[in-house]
Every structure is written in structure tokens, then in C-alpha cells.
Protein backbone atom coordinates (compact mmCIF):
# COMPACT_ATOMS: atom_id res chain seq x y z
CA UNK A 1 -12.18 -8.98 22.04
CA UNK A 2 -12.84 -8.43 18.35
CA UNK A 3 -12.49 -11.58 16.00
CA UNK A 4 -9.44 -10.84 13.96
CA UNK A 5 -11.38 -12.37 10.79
CA UNK A 6 -13.33 -9.19 11.12
CA UNK A 7 -9.99 -7.18 10.22
CA UNK A 8 -9.11 -9.37 7.14
CA UNK A 9 -12.60 -8.88 5.98
CA UNK A 10 -12.94 -5.57 6.25
CA UNK A 11 -9.53 -4.79 4.45
CA UNK A 12 -9.33 -3.18 1.56
CA UNK A 13 -6.87 -5.53 0.23
CA UNK A 14 -8.85 -8.64 0.60
CA UNK A 15 -9.30 -9.94 -2.69
CA UNK A 16 -12.60 -9.40 -3.65
CA UNK A 17 -12.51 -6.98 -6.24
CA UNK A 18 -14.07 -3.94 -4.08
CA UNK A 19 -10.98 -1.70 -5.37
CA UNK A 20 -12.12 -1.55 -8.46
CA UNK A 21 -15.52 0.08 -7.69
CA UNK A 22 -15.80 3.79 -6.68
CA UNK A 23 -19.39 3.51 -4.96
CA UNK A 24 -20.93 5.95 -7.24
CA UNK A 25 -18.16 8.69 -6.08
CA UNK A 26 -16.53 8.91 -9.82
CA UNK A 27 -20.31 9.93 -11.10
CA UNK A 28 -20.60 12.21 -8.37
CA UNK A 29 -16.94 13.38 -8.91
CA UNK A 30 -17.90 14.49 -12.59
CA UNK A 31 -21.43 15.78 -11.75
CA UNK A 32 -19.24 18.28 -9.47
CA UNK A 33 -21.02 16.90 -6.35
CA UNK A 34 -17.51 15.86 -4.64
CA UNK A 35 -14.87 18.76 -5.30
CA UNK A 36 -12.92 18.09 -1.80
CA UNK A 37 -13.21 16.59 1.50
CA UNK A 38 -16.17 18.16 2.73
CA UNK A 39 -18.26 16.98 -0.17
CA UNK A 40 -16.93 13.53 0.32
CA UNK A 41 -17.99 13.62 3.84
CA UNK A 42 -21.34 14.64 2.98
CA UNK A 43 -21.48 12.07 0.04
CA UNK A 44 -20.33 9.28 2.31
CA UNK A 45 -23.10 10.29 5.01
CA UNK A 46 -25.83 10.06 2.68
CA UNK A 47 -24.43 6.81 1.23
CA UNK A 48 -24.02 5.18 4.55
CA UNK A 49 -27.53 6.28 6.16
CA UNK A 50 -29.02 4.91 2.53
CA UNK A 51 -27.35 2.06 0.48
CA UNK A 52 -25.04 1.39 3.32
CA UNK A 53 -27.73 0.51 5.81
CA UNK A 54 -29.69 -1.58 3.32
CA UNK A 55 -26.22 -3.73 2.84
CA UNK A 56 -25.52 -3.88 6.53
CA UNK A 57 -29.17 -5.33 7.03
CA UNK A 58 -28.79 -7.66 4.26
CA UNK A 59 -25.55 -8.92 5.48
CA UNK A 60 -26.50 -9.27 8.79
CA UNK A 61 -29.52 -11.20 7.88
CA UNK A 62 -27.31 -13.60 5.79
CA UNK A 63 -24.86 -13.84 8.68
CA UNK A 64 -27.78 -15.22 10.67
CA UNK A 65 -28.46 -17.59 8.23
CA UNK A 66 -31.57 -16.24 6.69
CA UNK A 67 -32.14 -18.46 3.53
CA UNK A 68 -29.63 -16.43 1.10
CA UNK A 69 -31.63 -17.03 -1.78
CA UNK A 70 -34.66 -15.16 -0.29
CA UNK A 71 -32.29 -12.27 0.54
CA UNK A 72 -31.05 -12.32 -3.06
CA UNK A 73 -34.38 -11.73 -4.06
CA UNK A 74 -34.86 -9.13 -1.28
CA UNK A 75 -31.73 -7.22 -2.37
CA UNK A 76 -32.55 -7.12 -6.20
CA UNK A 77 -36.03 -5.64 -5.07
CA UNK A 78 -33.89 -2.97 -3.11
CA UNK A 79 -31.83 -2.02 -6.18
CA UNK A 80 -33.92 -0.51 -8.94
CA UNK A 81 -30.57 0.37 -10.89
CA UNK A 82 -29.78 -2.49 -13.49
CA UNK A 83 -26.44 -1.05 -13.41
CA UNK A 84 -25.83 -1.67 -9.67
CA UNK A 85 -27.49 -4.82 -9.89
CA UNK A 86 -24.74 -6.13 -12.24
CA UNK A 87 -22.23 -4.20 -10.33
CA UNK A 88 -23.57 -5.99 -6.98
CA UNK A 89 -23.49 -9.77 -8.39
CA UNK A 90 -20.24 -9.55 -9.88
CA UNK A 91 -18.95 -8.41 -6.87
CA UNK A 92 -20.89 -11.14 -5.16
CA UNK A 93 -19.15 -13.56 -7.45
CA UNK A 94 -15.66 -12.24 -6.89
CA UNK A 95 -16.26 -12.60 -2.79
CA UNK A 96 -17.55 -15.92 -2.71
CA UNK A 97 -14.34 -17.13 -4.78
CA UNK A 98 -11.95 -15.62 -2.32
CA UNK A 99 -14.44 -16.69 0.72
CA UNK A 100 -14.50 -20.24 -0.25
CA UNK A 101 -10.76 -20.43 -0.45
CA UNK A 102 -10.06 -18.40 2.74
CA UNK A 103 -12.99 -19.73 4.99
CA UNK A 104 -14.42 -22.91 3.60
CA UNK A 105 -17.87 -23.70 4.30
CA UNK A 106 -20.60 -25.76 3.22
CA UNK A 107 -23.41 -22.69 2.99
CA UNK A 108 -20.71 -20.98 0.51
CA UNK A 109 -20.60 -24.31 -1.49
CA UNK A 110 -24.23 -24.39 -1.74
CA UNK A 111 -24.95 -20.90 -2.86
CA UNK A 112 -21.91 -21.30 -5.77
CA UNK A 113 -23.77 -24.04 -6.96
CA UNK A 114 -27.11 -22.82 -6.80
CA UNK A 115 -26.43 -19.36 -8.24
CA UNK A 116 -23.10 -19.60 -10.63
CA UNK A 117 -24.14 -16.52 -11.88
CA UNK A 118 -23.57 -14.50 -8.81
CA UNK A 119 -25.73 -13.32 -5.66
CA UNK A 120 -25.68 -10.00 -4.04
CA UNK A 121 -22.31 -8.85 -2.50
CA UNK A 122 -24.00 -8.14 0.64
CA UNK A 123 -25.70 -11.56 1.45
CA UNK A 124 -22.68 -13.12 0.26
CA UNK A 125 -20.68 -10.91 2.70
CA UNK A 126 -23.05 -12.02 5.27
CA UNK A 127 -22.54 -15.83 4.47
CA UNK A 128 -18.55 -15.06 4.69
CA UNK A 129 -18.99 -13.47 8.26
CA UNK A 130 -20.82 -16.34 9.51
CA UNK A 131 -18.22 -19.10 7.59
CA UNK A 132 -15.39 -16.75 9.26
CA UNK A 133 -17.02 -17.35 12.75
CA UNK A 134 -18.05 -13.78 12.90
CA UNK A 135 -21.35 -12.64 14.38
CA UNK A 136 -24.34 -10.96 12.27
CA UNK A 137 -23.44 -7.80 14.11
CA UNK A 138 -19.80 -8.21 12.82
CA UNK A 139 -21.32 -8.56 9.09
CA UNK A 140 -23.21 -5.59 9.63
CA UNK A 141 -20.27 -3.23 10.50
CA UNK A 142 -18.02 -4.74 7.96
CA UNK A 143 -20.98 -3.78 5.14
CA UNK A 144 -21.42 -0.33 6.89
CA UNK A 145 -17.59 0.24 6.58
CA UNK A 146 -17.39 -0.87 3.01
CA UNK A 147 -20.17 1.58 2.05
CA UNK A 148 -17.69 4.55 2.83
CA UNK A 149 -14.24 3.07 2.58
CA UNK A 150 -14.46 2.63 -1.22
CA UNK A 151 -15.56 6.11 -2.05
CA UNK A 152 -13.31 7.74 0.47
CA UNK A 153 -10.16 5.63 -1.33
CA UNK A 154 -11.63 6.12 -4.64
CA UNK A 155 -11.50 10.11 -4.37
CA UNK A 156 -7.72 9.80 -3.27
CA UNK A 157 -7.50 8.68 -6.95
CA UNK A 158 -10.10 10.59 -8.77
CA UNK A 159 -9.16 13.96 -7.08
CA UNK A 160 -5.79 13.84 -5.82
CA UNK A 161 -7.46 14.07 -2.31
CA UNK A 162 -5.00 14.34 0.55
CA UNK A 163 -5.01 11.01 2.10
CA UNK A 164 -4.69 12.21 5.42
CA UNK A 165 -7.60 14.44 4.85
CA UNK A 166 -9.86 11.51 3.05
CA UNK A 167 -8.93 9.43 6.18
CA UNK A 168 -10.11 11.85 8.57
CA UNK A 169 -13.44 11.73 6.56
CA UNK A 170 -13.63 8.07 7.27
CA UNK A 171 -12.63 8.44 10.98
CA UNK A 172 -15.45 11.40 11.34
CA UNK A 173 -18.22 8.92 10.33
CA UNK A 174 -17.33 6.30 13.12
CA UNK A 175 -20.44 7.00 15.07
CA UNK A 176 -22.74 7.14 12.44
CA UNK A 177 -20.83 3.71 11.06
CA UNK A 178 -21.67 2.52 14.69
CA UNK A 179 -25.19 3.62 14.88
CA UNK A 180 -26.01 2.26 10.98
CA UNK A 181 -24.53 -0.93 12.01
CA UNK A 182 -26.88 -0.95 15.32
CA UNK A 183 -30.02 -0.45 13.32
CA UNK A 184 -29.04 -3.16 10.66
CA UNK A 185 -28.50 -5.62 13.08
CA UNK A 186 -31.65 -4.99 14.66
CA UNK A 187 -33.43 -5.14 11.53
CA UNK A 188 -32.19 -8.29 10.89
CA UNK A 189 -33.01 -9.89 14.08
CA UNK A 190 -36.50 -8.79 13.86
CA UNK A 191 -36.77 -10.37 10.34
CA UNK A 192 -35.17 -13.72 11.73
CA UNK A 193 -37.53 -13.91 14.52
CA UNK A 194 -40.52 -13.17 12.03
CA UNK A 195 -40.01 -14.41 8.88
CA UNK A 196 -40.53 -11.00 7.61
CA UNK A 197 -37.88 -9.71 5.10
CA UNK A 198 -39.72 -6.39 4.71
CA UNK A 199 -38.59 -5.63 8.15
CA UNK A 200 -35.27 -5.09 6.43
CA UNK A 201 -34.56 -1.40 5.29
CA UNK A 202 -35.07 -0.56 2.13
CA UNK A 203 -33.64 2.97 2.21
CA UNK A 204 -33.46 5.00 -1.12
CA UNK A 205 -30.56 7.11 -2.90
CA UNK A 206 -32.08 8.03 -6.33
CA UNK A 207 -29.14 10.08 -7.22
CA UNK A 208 -26.85 6.72 -6.67
CA UNK A 209 -28.87 4.72 -9.10
CA UNK A 210 -28.94 7.78 -11.85
CA UNK A 211 -25.14 8.00 -11.39
CA UNK A 212 -24.80 4.37 -11.69
CA UNK A 213 -26.74 4.19 -15.01
CA UNK A 214 -24.64 7.17 -16.32
CA UNK A 215 -21.36 5.83 -15.22
CA UNK A 216 -21.82 2.69 -17.19
CA UNK A 217 -22.45 4.10 -20.58
CA UNK A 218 -19.25 6.08 -20.35
CA UNK A 219 -16.54 5.00 -22.81
CA UNK A 220 -13.68 5.89 -20.30
CA UNK A 221 -13.82 5.61 -16.57
CA UNK A 222 -11.24 4.57 -13.94
CA UNK A 223 -13.64 2.36 -11.94
CA UNK A 224 -15.99 -0.33 -12.91
CA UNK A 225 -18.94 1.41 -11.01
């Protein structure tokens, strides 16, 4: 049976700041790569299998209690864009604040004390999942879902997209979400068993990096990233 804590953690209304970020969708809309629900579906699929897979594996590894500071370094190496690194750490700070209140945990307290300037969000997500009594597989699922739910929600605001069609895009990714979460969980288990963090995926999405840098320089924008 599903742990209800997973629903709380994956809920877009959880006060961790994710609603203020578009996951690259705002820049993709401006570049003309997302114009309708078909473009949104293509964008989300690409994001899921790259940035989403990487984040899901980091979250699963943290949920399996691999050293979060080591994972933070691994996350840093997988984000070439300074703007994306800054956004990820900012989201990590916001998530750990919420998590320490909702699910008090010694590991979260230690991490907050050791890295007051923030840890990458997927790492904090995995530790939060563990604090909530969730499994590494749950953490991977939450991270994978988050990687596409943010852009879907953002495009309703950015394009005035029909929310029914936007939700249909998200529902259409169900099988791929399960596949990505499973791959991420397997990679995290291997990293935990061998101690080799190179077992974690480092899927690349160069356009997301470029969009993040462009977006960070805009004087007017709707989303923080």
C-alpha cells in the first residue's frame, strides 16, 4: 500500500518553493519550442529522461542514506549551468526548512547545520523521503514526477494552456515515469552497494543548461528559473 507521506511530498502545494520554478519551460516557451500541448509533451519527455533521471537517482541514493555531502558534490558535477546550480541549492534550502518542520529528523538537522547555504534539491528530497518513512524507490518516483509536473503547471500560466490538456500530458507520461524511477532506483542501489557514485546517471540536457543561463539574465520573468 502506498505511504500517504508520498502524496504529501509530491503535492505541488507542499511549501518547498517549487511553484515558483518552471523547470526551463519559460525559456522554452519564449524560444518557441513549446507552443501547445504537443510541444509540452515533447519537452517533458526530454526533461524526464535527462534531468529527471539524474535527479531521481540522486534522490534515491540519498533516500538510501548514501552520504549526502558526497551526493551534493555528485549533483554539482552533473549541473554545468551556474544558474541551475543556484536554483537547485535555493530549492534545497526551502525544502529542508519545510521538511524539518513536517518530518523532524537528525539527518536533516545535521545537513542543515553542515551546509547552511544549501544542498542540491534532489539530495534533500531523498533525505526528506527517508525521514518521512518512504523508500528510495519512493524518493525516485517523487523526483521523477516533480521533473515534469512543474513544467506542466507552468505552461498553464505561460501559454494559457487548457488545464485539462496539460494534465493529459502529465497522465500520458505515466509509463515513462515508472520506467525512469525504476532505472534511477537500480542505479542508486548499485552506487550504494559498490560505493561508486559514477554508477549514478549523468544524463545531459544542453538546451536546459543554455535556457537556464539565458533566463537568469532576463529583467522580466514570471518564474525564478
